[in-house]
N, C-alpha and C. Protein backbone atom coordinates (compact mmCIF):
# COMPACT_ATOMS: atom_id res chain seq x y z
N UNK A 1 -55.97 27.58 49.76
CA UNK A 1 -56.77 28.42 50.89
C UNK A 1 -57.09 30.16 50.27
N UNK A 2 -58.09 30.71 49.95
CA UNK A 2 -58.56 31.82 49.35
C UNK A 2 -58.22 32.85 50.67
N UNK A 3 -57.33 34.16 50.21
CA UNK A 3 -57.13 35.23 50.72
C UNK A 3 -58.13 35.49 52.16
N UNK A 4 -58.06 35.76 53.34
CA UNK A 4 -59.40 35.51 54.02
C UNK A 4 -59.37 37.67 54.20
N UNK A 5 -60.56 37.15 54.39
CA UNK A 5 -61.27 38.89 54.14
C UNK A 5 -60.85 39.51 55.49
N UNK A 6 -60.53 40.83 56.07
CA UNK A 6 -60.09 41.14 56.62
C UNK A 6 -60.30 43.16 56.93
N UNK A 7 -61.23 43.15 57.74
CA UNK A 7 -61.59 44.74 58.22
C UNK A 7 -60.62 45.19 58.13
N UNK A 8 -60.23 46.83 58.28
CA UNK A 8 -59.00 47.21 58.76
C UNK A 8 -59.23 47.58 60.09
N UNK A 9 -58.07 47.58 60.62
CA UNK A 9 -57.58 47.76 61.71
C UNK A 9 -58.60 48.75 62.67
N UNK A 10 -58.97 48.73 64.09
CA UNK A 10 -59.92 49.39 64.24
C UNK A 10 -60.15 50.14 63.85
N UNK A 11 -60.92 49.79 63.22
CA UNK A 11 -62.51 49.69 62.06
C UNK A 11 -64.00 49.34 62.50
N UNK A 12 -65.16 50.06 62.60
CA UNK A 12 -66.27 49.33 62.65
C UNK A 12 -66.38 48.80 62.04
N UNK A 13 -67.16 46.86 62.44
CA UNK A 13 -67.89 46.39 61.71
C UNK A 13 -69.16 46.66 61.03
N UNK A 14 -68.55 47.95 60.34
CA UNK A 14 -69.53 48.39 59.35
C UNK A 14 -68.86 48.35 57.56
N UNK A 15 -70.00 47.83 56.46
CA UNK A 15 -69.36 48.17 54.84
C UNK A 15 -70.60 48.95 54.23
N UNK A 16 -70.29 50.00 54.32
CA UNK A 16 -71.61 50.64 53.43
C UNK A 16 -71.56 49.89 51.57
N UNK A 17 -72.83 49.69 51.30
CA UNK A 17 -72.95 49.30 50.30
C UNK A 17 -73.67 50.39 49.57
N UNK A 18 -72.64 51.08 48.48
CA UNK A 18 -73.44 52.53 47.66
C UNK A 18 -72.94 52.19 46.08
N UNK A 19 -74.41 53.06 45.89
CA UNK A 19 -74.63 52.99 44.37
C UNK A 19 -74.01 54.26 43.78
N UNK A 20 -73.07 54.36 42.98
CA UNK A 20 -72.81 55.77 42.76
C UNK A 20 -73.45 55.90 41.27
N UNK A 21 -73.99 57.20 40.74
CA UNK A 21 -74.14 57.07 39.35
C UNK A 21 -73.29 58.58 38.83
N UNK A 22 -72.15 59.24 40.06
CA UNK A 22 -71.60 60.16 39.53
C UNK A 22 -70.16 60.14 39.97
N UNK A 23 -69.33 59.55 38.77
CA UNK A 23 -68.24 58.83 39.27
C UNK A 23 -67.69 60.10 40.50
N UNK A 24 -67.49 61.99 39.26
CA UNK A 24 -66.69 62.87 40.47
C UNK A 24 -67.07 63.03 41.88
N UNK A 25 -68.70 62.47 42.31
CA UNK A 25 -68.65 62.47 43.40
C UNK A 25 -68.22 61.27 44.61
N UNK A 26 -67.42 60.69 43.69
CA UNK A 26 -67.00 59.66 44.79
C UNK A 26 -66.17 60.21 45.63
N UNK A 27 -64.69 60.86 45.40
CA UNK A 27 -63.79 60.60 46.24
C UNK A 27 -64.44 61.72 47.30
N UNK A 28 -65.62 62.10 47.51
CA UNK A 28 -66.16 63.16 48.95
C UNK A 28 -66.66 61.94 49.30
N UNK A 29 -67.48 61.16 48.83
CA UNK A 29 -68.38 60.52 49.69
C UNK A 29 -67.41 59.91 50.34
N UNK A 30 -66.24 58.94 50.34
CA UNK A 30 -65.32 58.04 50.59
C UNK A 30 -64.55 59.32 51.80
N UNK A 31 -64.60 60.76 51.67
CA UNK A 31 -64.30 61.31 52.66
C UNK A 31 -65.05 61.54 53.89
N UNK A 32 -66.10 61.40 53.12
CA UNK A 32 -67.58 61.95 54.45
C UNK A 32 -67.57 60.36 54.62
N UNK A 33 -67.36 59.05 54.78
CA UNK A 33 -67.29 57.97 54.98
C UNK A 33 -65.91 57.96 56.18
N UNK A 34 -65.00 58.60 56.29
CA UNK A 34 -63.90 58.21 56.76
C UNK A 34 -64.18 59.32 58.16
N UNK A 35 -64.30 60.06 57.62
CA UNK A 35 -64.84 61.19 58.75
C UNK A 35 -65.61 60.94 59.66
N UNK A 36 -66.46 60.27 59.67
CA UNK A 36 -67.47 59.47 60.12
C UNK A 36 -66.87 58.33 61.01
N UNK A 37 -65.94 58.18 60.77
CA UNK A 37 -64.92 56.74 61.85
C UNK A 37 -65.09 55.57 60.64
N UNK A 38 -65.95 55.28 59.06
CA UNK A 38 -65.82 54.06 58.10
C UNK A 38 -64.70 54.32 57.78
N UNK A 39 -63.89 53.06 57.70
CA UNK A 39 -62.50 52.62 57.09
C UNK A 39 -63.29 51.55 55.43
N UNK A 40 -64.36 51.41 55.22
CA UNK A 40 -64.17 50.38 54.28
C UNK A 40 -65.62 51.13 53.51
N UNK A 41 -66.13 50.66 52.18
CA UNK A 41 -66.81 50.54 51.14
C UNK A 41 -67.31 49.93 50.26
N UNK A 42 -68.00 49.19 49.95
CA UNK A 42 -68.68 48.49 48.76
C UNK A 42 -69.43 49.47 47.88
N UNK A 43 -68.45 49.63 46.41
CA UNK A 43 -68.92 50.34 45.00
C UNK A 43 -69.67 48.94 44.52
N UNK A 44 -71.20 49.23 44.84
CA UNK A 44 -71.81 48.12 43.45
C UNK A 44 -72.02 48.31 42.31
N UNK A 45 -71.67 47.44 41.38
CA UNK A 45 -71.64 47.67 39.83
C UNK A 45 -72.93 47.53 39.16
N UNK A 46 -73.36 48.77 40.14
CA UNK A 46 -74.62 48.58 39.67
C UNK A 46 -74.67 49.65 38.56
N UNK A 47 -74.24 50.85 38.50
CA UNK A 47 -73.99 51.68 37.51
C UNK A 47 -73.28 52.12 36.39
N UNK A 48 -73.50 52.90 35.74
CA UNK A 48 -72.63 52.53 34.34
C UNK A 48 -71.04 53.62 35.01
N UNK A 49 -71.41 54.17 35.95
CA UNK A 49 -70.34 54.63 36.45
C UNK A 49 -69.11 54.08 37.98
N UNK A 50 -69.67 52.76 37.93
CA UNK A 50 -69.22 52.21 39.24
C UNK A 50 -67.54 51.88 39.21
N UNK A 51 -66.76 51.50 38.07
CA UNK A 51 -65.58 51.00 37.84
C UNK A 51 -65.09 52.70 38.01
N UNK A 52 -65.65 53.81 37.34
CA UNK A 52 -64.88 54.98 37.40
C UNK A 52 -65.09 55.65 38.70
N UNK A 53 -65.74 55.40 39.06
CA UNK A 53 -66.16 55.96 40.78
C UNK A 53 -64.86 54.80 42.15
N UNK A 54 -64.87 53.81 41.49
CA UNK A 54 -64.06 53.54 42.18
C UNK A 54 -62.50 53.55 41.44
N UNK A 55 -62.13 54.06 40.77
CA UNK A 55 -60.77 54.39 40.06
C UNK A 55 -60.27 55.81 40.54
N UNK A 56 -61.42 56.49 40.69
CA UNK A 56 -61.28 57.56 41.70
C UNK A 56 -60.96 57.82 42.96
N UNK A 57 -62.03 56.86 43.59
CA UNK A 57 -61.61 56.29 45.39
C UNK A 57 -60.44 56.14 45.40
N UNK A 58 -59.77 55.07 44.21
CA UNK A 58 -58.15 54.31 45.39
C UNK A 58 -57.15 55.02 44.86
N UNK A 59 -57.73 55.95 43.62
CA UNK A 59 -56.45 57.40 42.93
C UNK A 59 -56.59 58.29 44.07
N UNK A 60 -57.70 58.96 44.90
CA UNK A 60 -58.07 60.26 45.75
C UNK A 60 -57.61 60.14 47.04
N UNK A 61 -58.56 58.77 47.59
CA UNK A 61 -58.74 58.17 49.28
C UNK A 61 -58.11 57.05 48.72
N UNK A 62 -57.39 57.01 48.89
CA UNK A 62 -56.53 55.46 48.90
C UNK A 62 -56.40 54.93 50.50
N UNK A 63 -56.49 55.80 51.76
CA UNK A 63 -57.02 55.02 53.05
C UNK A 63 -58.15 54.37 53.14
N UNK A 64 -59.37 54.27 52.61
CA UNK A 64 -60.18 53.98 52.72
C UNK A 64 -60.24 52.75 51.92
N UNK A 65 -60.82 51.30 52.60
CA UNK A 65 -60.35 50.13 51.87
C UNK A 65 -61.58 49.51 50.88
N UNK A 66 -61.59 49.67 49.91
CA UNK A 66 -62.74 49.94 48.45
C UNK A 66 -62.59 49.29 47.70
N UNK A 67 -64.22 48.19 48.01
CA UNK A 67 -64.65 46.67 47.38
C UNK A 67 -65.41 47.10 46.16
N UNK A 68 -65.47 46.08 45.20
CA UNK A 68 -66.09 46.21 44.16
C UNK A 68 -67.63 45.28 44.56
N UNK A 69 -68.65 45.82 44.61
CA UNK A 69 -69.72 44.69 44.93
C UNK A 69 -70.66 43.91 43.37
N UNK A 70 -71.64 42.94 43.44
CA UNK A 70 -72.69 42.97 42.89
C UNK A 70 -71.70 41.82 41.04
N UNK A 71 -70.41 41.42 42.10
CA UNK A 71 -69.74 41.04 41.17
C UNK A 71 -70.82 39.63 40.42
N UNK A 72 -70.38 39.85 39.19
CA UNK A 72 -71.42 38.48 38.59
C UNK A 72 -70.45 37.97 37.20
N UNK A 73 -69.47 37.96 37.27
CA UNK A 73 -68.69 38.04 36.05
C UNK A 73 -66.70 38.17 36.70
N UNK A 74 -66.20 36.84 36.08
CA UNK A 74 -64.83 37.38 35.54
C UNK A 74 -64.19 38.56 35.09
N UNK A 75 -64.84 39.10 34.12
CA UNK A 75 -64.82 40.26 33.69
C UNK A 75 -64.47 41.39 34.51
N UNK A 76 -65.99 41.10 35.38
CA UNK A 76 -66.17 42.87 36.33
C UNK A 76 -65.33 42.19 37.46
N UNK A 77 -64.12 41.44 38.09
CA UNK A 77 -63.35 41.13 38.60
C UNK A 77 -61.96 41.98 38.27
N UNK A 78 -61.81 41.61 36.91
CA UNK A 78 -60.58 42.10 36.27
C UNK A 78 -60.69 43.40 35.95
N UNK A 79 -61.58 43.84 35.68
CA UNK A 79 -62.15 45.14 35.52
C UNK A 79 -61.86 46.20 37.31
N UNK A 80 -62.29 45.85 37.92
CA UNK A 80 -62.32 46.37 39.72
C UNK A 80 -61.31 46.31 40.31
N UNK A 81 -60.25 45.40 39.80
CA UNK A 81 -59.18 45.32 40.27
C UNK A 81 -58.06 46.30 39.32
N UNK A 82 -58.08 45.96 38.21
CA UNK A 82 -57.29 47.24 37.55
C UNK A 82 -57.88 48.76 37.97
N UNK A 83 -59.13 49.09 38.55
CA UNK A 83 -59.33 50.55 38.83
C UNK A 83 -58.92 50.24 40.53
N UNK A 84 -58.70 49.34 40.96
CA UNK A 84 -58.28 49.63 42.35
C UNK A 84 -58.84 49.14 43.52
N UNK A 85 -59.49 48.29 43.03
CA UNK A 85 -60.78 47.54 44.41
C UNK A 85 -59.81 46.49 44.90
N UNK A 86 -60.07 46.31 46.14
CA UNK A 86 -58.99 45.57 46.68
C UNK A 86 -59.39 44.63 47.63
N UNK A 87 -61.08 44.61 47.49
CA UNK A 87 -62.10 43.30 47.74
C UNK A 87 -63.09 43.08 46.82
N UNK A 88 -63.83 41.72 46.56
CA UNK A 88 -64.79 41.70 45.50
C UNK A 88 -65.95 41.17 46.55
N UNK A 89 -67.33 41.53 46.47
CA UNK A 89 -68.47 40.72 46.89
C UNK A 89 -69.63 40.65 45.15
N UNK A 90 -69.75 39.46 45.69
CA UNK A 90 -71.02 38.89 45.29
C UNK A 90 -72.65 38.38 46.28
N UNK A 91 -73.16 38.76 44.79
CA UNK A 91 -74.57 38.27 46.33
C UNK A 91 -74.85 36.45 46.08
N UNK A 92 -74.03 35.76 45.50
CA UNK A 92 -74.11 34.53 45.50
C UNK A 92 -72.73 34.06 45.19
N UNK A 93 -72.76 32.55 44.58
CA UNK A 93 -71.58 32.14 43.80
C UNK A 93 -71.57 31.15 42.98
N UNK A 94 -70.71 31.01 41.71
CA UNK A 94 -71.19 30.27 40.87
C UNK A 94 -69.84 29.70 40.67
N UNK A 95 -70.10 28.32 40.34
CA UNK A 95 -68.35 27.41 39.81
C UNK A 95 -66.94 28.24 39.40
N UNK A 96 -68.09 28.89 37.88
CA UNK A 96 -67.15 30.19 37.21
C UNK A 96 -66.44 31.11 37.83
N UNK A 97 -67.11 31.75 39.10
CA UNK A 97 -66.72 32.20 39.34
C UNK A 97 -65.51 32.56 40.61
N UNK A 98 -66.21 31.12 41.51
CA UNK A 98 -65.05 30.50 42.27
C UNK A 98 -63.82 29.96 41.66
N UNK A 99 -63.57 29.18 40.24
CA UNK A 99 -62.32 29.27 39.68
C UNK A 99 -62.24 30.88 39.51
N UNK A 100 -62.26 31.56 38.52
CA UNK A 100 -61.88 32.68 38.34
C UNK A 100 -61.44 33.65 40.06
N UNK A 101 -62.08 33.91 41.06
CA UNK A 101 -61.06 34.42 41.82
C UNK A 101 -59.87 33.49 42.39
N UNK A 102 -59.62 32.50 42.14
CA UNK A 102 -58.13 31.96 42.26
C UNK A 102 -57.02 32.70 41.85
N UNK A 103 -57.88 33.44 40.63
CA UNK A 103 -56.16 34.41 39.51
C UNK A 103 -55.94 36.08 40.15
N UNK A 104 -57.05 35.91 41.37
CA UNK A 104 -56.71 37.36 41.82
C UNK A 104 -56.38 37.58 43.32
N UNK A 105 -55.60 38.60 43.74
CA UNK A 105 -55.20 38.37 45.06
C UNK A 105 -55.99 38.54 46.19
N UNK A 106 -57.49 39.60 45.58
CA UNK A 106 -58.55 40.25 46.63
C UNK A 106 -59.00 39.14 47.04
N UNK A 107 -59.24 39.28 47.99
CA UNK A 107 -60.42 38.83 48.96
C UNK A 107 -61.50 38.57 48.68
N UNK A 108 -62.55 37.76 48.60
CA UNK A 108 -63.86 37.45 48.21
C UNK A 108 -64.54 37.19 48.71
N UNK A 109 -65.80 38.15 49.32
CA UNK A 109 -66.97 37.96 50.29
C UNK A 109 -68.15 37.06 48.97
N UNK A 110 -68.37 36.09 48.78
CA UNK A 110 -68.99 35.29 47.94
C UNK A 110 -70.29 35.14 49.09
N UNK A 111 -71.80 35.45 48.33
CA UNK A 111 -73.00 34.91 48.74
C UNK A 111 -73.30 33.91 48.97
N UNK A 112 -73.98 34.02 50.14
CA UNK A 112 -75.32 32.29 50.90
C UNK A 112 -76.30 32.47 51.45
N UNK A 113 -77.12 31.86 51.13
CA UNK A 113 -78.32 31.73 52.08
C UNK A 113 -79.05 31.11 52.60
N UNK A 114 -78.03 30.12 52.08
CA UNK A 114 -78.43 28.47 52.83
C UNK A 114 -77.88 27.30 53.38
N UNK A 115 -77.78 26.43 54.43
CA UNK A 115 -76.78 25.56 54.24
C UNK A 115 -75.87 25.18 53.68
N UNK A 116 -76.54 24.94 52.31
CA UNK A 116 -75.86 23.62 51.65
C UNK A 116 -75.21 25.13 50.18
N UNK A 117 -75.33 26.19 50.54
CA UNK A 117 -74.49 27.20 49.51
C UNK A 117 -73.56 27.12 50.36
N UNK A 118 -73.65 27.90 52.11
CA UNK A 118 -72.68 27.90 52.89
C UNK A 118 -71.23 26.45 53.03
N UNK A 119 -71.64 25.37 52.69
CA UNK A 119 -71.08 24.57 52.67
C UNK A 119 -70.27 24.26 51.77
N UNK A 120 -71.33 24.44 50.33
CA UNK A 120 -70.55 24.48 48.84
C UNK A 120 -68.84 25.88 49.51
N UNK A 121 -69.12 26.70 49.67
CA UNK A 121 -68.14 27.70 49.93
C UNK A 121 -67.03 27.42 50.82
N UNK A 122 -67.35 26.56 51.80
CA UNK A 122 -66.43 26.21 52.77
C UNK A 122 -65.48 25.34 52.11
N UNK A 123 -65.95 24.19 51.54
CA UNK A 123 -65.07 23.22 50.93
C UNK A 123 -64.01 24.10 49.87
N UNK A 124 -64.82 25.17 49.35
CA UNK A 124 -63.56 25.60 48.69
C UNK A 124 -62.67 26.80 49.36
N UNK A 125 -62.71 26.54 50.52
CA UNK A 125 -61.54 27.10 51.97
C UNK A 125 -62.37 28.68 51.92
N UNK A 126 -63.04 28.67 51.93
CA UNK A 126 -63.88 30.30 52.05
C UNK A 126 -64.69 29.88 53.91
N UNK A 127 -64.03 30.84 54.88
CA UNK A 127 -64.36 30.71 56.03
C UNK A 127 -65.14 31.93 56.28
N UNK A 128 -65.40 32.92 55.64
CA UNK A 128 -66.22 34.10 55.72
C UNK A 128 -67.16 34.47 54.56
N UNK A 129 -68.09 35.09 54.46
CA UNK A 129 -69.09 34.69 52.96
C UNK A 129 -70.18 36.11 53.59
N UNK A 130 -70.29 36.32 52.59
CA UNK A 130 -71.82 37.54 52.74
C UNK A 130 -73.30 36.20 52.92
N UNK A 131 -74.18 37.02 53.86
CA UNK A 131 -75.47 35.88 53.84
C UNK A 131 -76.46 37.13 53.10
N UNK A 132 -76.44 36.64 51.92
CA UNK A 132 -77.49 37.97 51.44
C UNK A 132 -79.04 36.93 50.68
N UNK A 133 -80.08 37.42 50.55
CA UNK A 133 -80.74 39.02 51.21
C UNK A 133 -80.79 38.49 52.88
N UNK A 134 -80.19 39.29 53.64
CA UNK A 134 -79.94 39.01 54.98
C UNK A 134 -81.85 38.55 55.84
N UNK A 135 -82.40 39.80 55.43
CA UNK A 135 -83.89 39.41 56.16
C UNK A 135 -84.55 38.59 55.52
N UNK A 136 -84.84 38.82 54.09
CA UNK A 136 -85.30 37.70 53.52
C UNK A 136 -85.15 36.44 53.48
N UNK A 137 -84.02 36.10 53.76
CA UNK A 137 -83.98 35.14 54.19
C UNK A 137 -83.93 34.05 54.73
N UNK A 138 -84.51 34.73 55.90
CA UNK A 138 -84.42 34.33 57.69
C UNK A 138 -83.74 35.20 58.35
N UNK A 139 -83.01 35.92 58.47
CA UNK A 139 -82.51 37.26 59.40
C UNK A 139 -81.76 36.50 59.85
N UNK A 140 -82.21 37.11 61.88
CA UNK A 140 -80.70 36.68 62.59
C UNK A 140 -81.00 35.40 62.64
N UNK A 141 -82.41 34.71 62.76
CA UNK A 141 -82.81 33.50 63.49
C UNK A 141 -82.09 32.23 62.28
N UNK A 142 -81.80 32.54 60.49
CA UNK A 142 -81.11 31.47 59.84
C UNK A 142 -79.61 31.43 60.33
N UNK A 143 -79.09 32.48 60.71
CA UNK A 143 -77.98 32.46 61.41
C UNK A 143 -77.39 31.78 62.78
N UNK A 144 -78.59 31.81 63.35
CA UNK A 144 -78.44 31.66 64.85
C UNK A 144 -78.45 29.65 64.60
N UNK A 145 -79.29 29.58 63.42
CA UNK A 145 -79.44 28.07 62.90
C UNK A 145 -78.42 27.55 62.16
N UNK A 146 -77.52 28.29 61.54
CA UNK A 146 -76.21 28.32 60.73
C UNK A 146 -74.98 27.90 61.95
N UNK A 147 -75.43 28.51 63.08
CA UNK A 147 -73.58 28.54 64.02
C UNK A 147 -73.81 27.30 63.91
N UNK A 148 -74.68 26.26 64.57
CA UNK A 148 -74.43 25.20 65.64
C UNK A 148 -73.78 24.23 64.46
N UNK A 149 -73.96 24.11 63.40
CA UNK A 149 -73.42 22.79 62.11
C UNK A 149 -72.07 23.57 61.42
N UNK A 150 -72.37 24.81 61.45
CA UNK A 150 -70.89 25.62 60.84
C UNK A 150 -70.09 26.39 61.36
N UNK A 151 -69.58 25.89 63.09
CA UNK A 151 -69.38 26.90 64.06
C UNK A 151 -67.92 27.66 63.11
N UNK A 152 -67.08 27.59 62.47
CA UNK A 152 -65.95 27.78 61.35
C UNK A 152 -66.40 29.08 60.45
N UNK A 153 -67.69 29.03 60.14
CA UNK A 153 -67.64 30.47 59.18
C UNK A 153 -68.33 31.30 59.77
N UNK A 154 -68.42 32.24 59.33
CA UNK A 154 -68.99 33.91 60.01
C UNK A 154 -69.55 34.80 58.99
N UNK A 155 -70.36 35.11 59.23
CA UNK A 155 -71.04 35.98 57.54
C UNK A 155 -70.81 37.50 57.79
N UNK A 156 -71.13 38.22 56.95
CA UNK A 156 -71.23 39.71 56.88
C UNK A 156 -72.88 39.81 55.90
N UNK A 157 -74.09 39.62 56.61
CA UNK A 157 -75.72 39.75 56.54
C UNK A 157 -75.35 41.57 55.67
N UNK A 158 -76.41 41.06 54.79
CA UNK A 158 -76.14 42.48 54.19
C UNK A 158 -78.00 41.91 53.44
N UNK A 159 -78.62 42.99 53.49
CA UNK A 159 -80.32 43.33 52.98
C UNK A 159 -80.78 42.81 53.28
N UNK A 160 -81.37 44.72 53.94
CA UNK A 160 -82.70 44.60 54.50
C UNK A 160 -81.57 44.99 56.09
N UNK A 161 -80.20 45.49 55.81
CA UNK A 161 -79.61 45.67 57.68
C UNK A 161 -80.09 47.97 57.06
N UNK A 162 -80.34 48.02 58.63
CA UNK A 162 -80.48 49.41 58.74
C UNK A 162 -80.36 49.90 60.11
N UNK A 163 -80.07 50.68 60.72
CA UNK A 163 -79.59 51.56 61.81
C UNK A 163 -80.31 50.76 62.65
N UNK A 164 -81.49 50.33 62.72
CA UNK A 164 -81.94 49.80 63.86
C UNK A 164 -81.91 48.04 64.28
N UNK A 165 -82.06 47.55 62.91
CA UNK A 165 -81.40 46.22 63.18
C UNK A 165 -80.11 45.63 63.06
N UNK A 166 -79.04 46.46 62.64
CA UNK A 166 -77.84 46.56 62.64
C UNK A 166 -77.35 45.71 63.97
N UNK A 167 -77.34 46.44 64.98
CA UNK A 167 -76.64 45.97 66.50
C UNK A 167 -77.08 44.33 66.48
N UNK A 168 -78.31 43.93 66.00
CA UNK A 168 -78.97 43.31 67.09
C UNK A 168 -78.07 42.06 65.77
N UNK A 169 -77.71 42.14 65.17
CA UNK A 169 -77.16 41.24 64.34
C UNK A 169 -75.62 40.99 64.04
N UNK A 170 -75.27 42.26 64.43
CA UNK A 170 -73.90 42.08 65.07
C UNK A 170 -73.36 41.51 66.65
N UNK A 171 -74.26 41.31 67.33
CA UNK A 171 -74.27 40.62 68.60
C UNK A 171 -74.46 38.97 68.40
N UNK A 172 -74.62 38.39 67.06
CA UNK A 172 -74.42 36.96 67.11
C UNK A 172 -73.11 36.93 66.97
N UNK A 173 -72.39 35.63 67.44
CA UNK A 173 -71.14 34.87 67.58
C UNK A 173 -70.66 34.89 65.90
N UNK A 174 -71.54 34.43 65.13
CA UNK A 174 -70.72 34.24 64.07
C UNK A 174 -71.60 34.95 62.84
N UNK A 175 -71.59 36.59 62.78
CA UNK A 175 -71.37 37.32 62.06
C UNK A 175 -70.20 38.91 62.60
N UNK A 176 -69.10 38.74 61.83
CA UNK A 176 -68.23 39.89 61.66
C UNK A 176 -68.02 40.98 61.74
N UNK A 177 -69.55 41.46 61.13
CA UNK A 177 -69.73 42.94 60.15
C UNK A 177 -71.16 42.72 59.43
N UNK A 178 -72.08 44.01 59.20
CA UNK A 178 -72.85 44.18 58.62
C UNK A 178 -72.78 44.48 56.89
N UNK A 179 -73.34 44.71 56.28
CA UNK A 179 -73.14 45.86 55.50
C UNK A 179 -74.72 46.40 55.02
N UNK A 180 -75.13 47.72 54.77
CA UNK A 180 -76.01 48.28 53.72
C UNK A 180 -75.93 49.10 53.50
N UNK A 181 -77.41 49.64 52.63
CA UNK A 181 -76.82 51.47 52.13
C UNK A 181 -77.61 52.58 53.21
N UNK A 182 -78.00 52.54 54.32
CA UNK A 182 -78.73 53.04 55.15
C UNK A 182 -77.56 54.57 55.55
N UNK A 183 -76.52 54.26 55.10
CA UNK A 183 -74.97 55.07 55.76
C UNK A 183 -75.25 55.92 54.50
N UNK A 184 -75.46 55.31 53.58
CA UNK A 184 -74.87 56.35 52.41
C UNK A 184 -75.67 56.42 51.62
N UNK A 185 -77.30 56.35 51.30
CA UNK A 185 -77.75 56.03 50.45
C UNK A 185 -78.18 57.13 48.97
N UNK A 186 -78.44 56.36 48.01
CA UNK A 186 -78.01 57.40 46.87
C UNK A 186 -78.61 58.90 46.69
N UNK A 187 -79.74 58.74 47.61
CA UNK A 187 -80.15 60.04 47.53
C UNK A 187 -79.32 61.37 48.07
N UNK A 188 -78.71 60.72 49.00
CA UNK A 188 -77.96 61.87 49.69
C UNK A 188 -76.66 62.07 48.98
N UNK A 189 -76.05 61.29 48.36
CA UNK A 189 -74.85 60.83 47.35
C UNK A 189 -75.11 61.64 46.49
N UNK A 190 -76.25 61.89 46.10
CA UNK A 190 -76.96 62.26 44.26
C UNK A 190 -76.75 64.28 44.86
N UNK A 191 -77.06 64.27 46.25
CA UNK A 191 -77.59 65.72 46.96
C UNK A 191 -75.98 66.15 47.42
N UNK A 192 -75.28 65.54 47.61
CA UNK A 192 -73.41 66.09 48.17
C UNK A 192 -73.66 66.27 49.02
N UNK A 193 -74.63 65.46 49.76
CA UNK A 193 -75.16 65.70 51.25
C UNK A 193 -73.54 65.11 52.55
N UNK A 194 -72.53 66.05 52.39
CA UNK A 194 -71.43 64.98 52.78
C UNK A 194 -71.77 65.04 54.23
N UNK A 195 -71.92 66.17 54.25
CA UNK A 195 -72.25 66.59 56.45
C UNK A 195 -73.33 65.38 56.86
N UNK A 196 -74.26 65.46 56.57
CA UNK A 196 -75.20 64.20 57.08
C UNK A 196 -74.95 62.86 56.28
N UNK A 197 -73.83 62.34 55.36
CA UNK A 197 -73.79 61.28 55.76
C UNK A 197 -72.25 61.14 56.14
N UNK A 198 -71.89 61.69 56.71
CA UNK A 198 -70.69 61.69 57.73
C UNK A 198 -71.44 61.91 59.47
N UNK A 199 -72.45 62.29 59.19
CA UNK A 199 -73.68 61.92 60.88
C UNK A 199 -73.75 60.81 60.55
N UNK A 200 -74.36 60.09 59.77
CA UNK A 200 -75.10 58.67 59.33
C UNK A 200 -73.89 57.28 60.10
N UNK A 201 -72.46 58.44 59.26
CA UNK A 201 -71.47 56.97 59.26
C UNK A 201 -70.92 56.93 60.76
N UNK A 202 -71.07 58.14 61.96
CA UNK A 202 -70.73 58.26 62.58
C UNK A 202 -71.31 57.37 63.96
N UNK A 203 -73.03 58.01 63.70
CA UNK A 203 -73.89 56.98 64.24
C UNK A 203 -73.67 55.01 63.97
N UNK A 204 -72.99 54.94 62.92
CA UNK A 204 -72.72 53.46 62.50
C UNK A 204 -71.74 53.09 63.46
N UNK A 205 -70.45 53.88 63.49
CA UNK A 205 -69.42 53.69 63.64
C UNK A 205 -69.49 53.45 65.25
N UNK A 206 -70.47 53.85 66.10
CA UNK A 206 -70.78 53.79 67.75
C UNK A 206 -71.24 52.26 68.28
N UNK A 207 -71.01 51.46 66.87
CA UNK A 207 -72.24 50.27 67.14
C UNK A 207 -71.06 49.28 67.49
N UNK A 208 -71.32 48.36 68.36
CA UNK A 208 -69.67 47.54 69.04
C UNK A 208 -69.20 46.74 68.15
N UNK A 209 -67.65 47.14 68.60
CA UNK A 209 -66.61 46.38 67.44
C UNK A 209 -66.87 44.85 67.57
N UNK A 210 -66.70 43.97 66.77
CA UNK A 210 -67.27 42.47 67.00
C UNK A 210 -65.52 42.06 66.70
N UNK A 211 -64.71 42.31 66.06
CA UNK A 211 -63.93 41.90 65.92
C UNK A 211 -62.09 42.46 66.81
């Protein structure tokens, strides 16, 4: 059975999804999120600086639970794990990735957007999944539809989640968390607007705790 993904104790059910272009900014970003009450972050591997950013955060701000996102290959899993990532996230799932994930101690949030994809991951022992791309895959209506036939699965929707609709998703019984970039958008990270990011994190932290 794969290791179950868990949020930190007393953590709001929010996972910021961030793109970091300058690894030197990564520790300050993590501190800004923590100051706002957010205890986890997903650094996506969409920039050349991502692995260095993960390494910097894991070394200098070990209090935050650090994920590596947009995992597309076992090599990325290996590099992210060595840099200090404590969980993995992928937009989907392939047999190659599922087989490789067994070799790592980090929990994995594989992505699914249909009942068939969710059922396939369920057969491999995964009970907590990423629902992506949430809004364009039917959003809350799709998740409500999945609850009946797949009651033992719960989801972290990402893709189109924002401050306006996040709490609506969190009211669904099969949603354990939401992920999104609205808490720490790339322009604020590049500008070093840490106080503004902390303020956005504080607002997000006030969303009802679900777990």
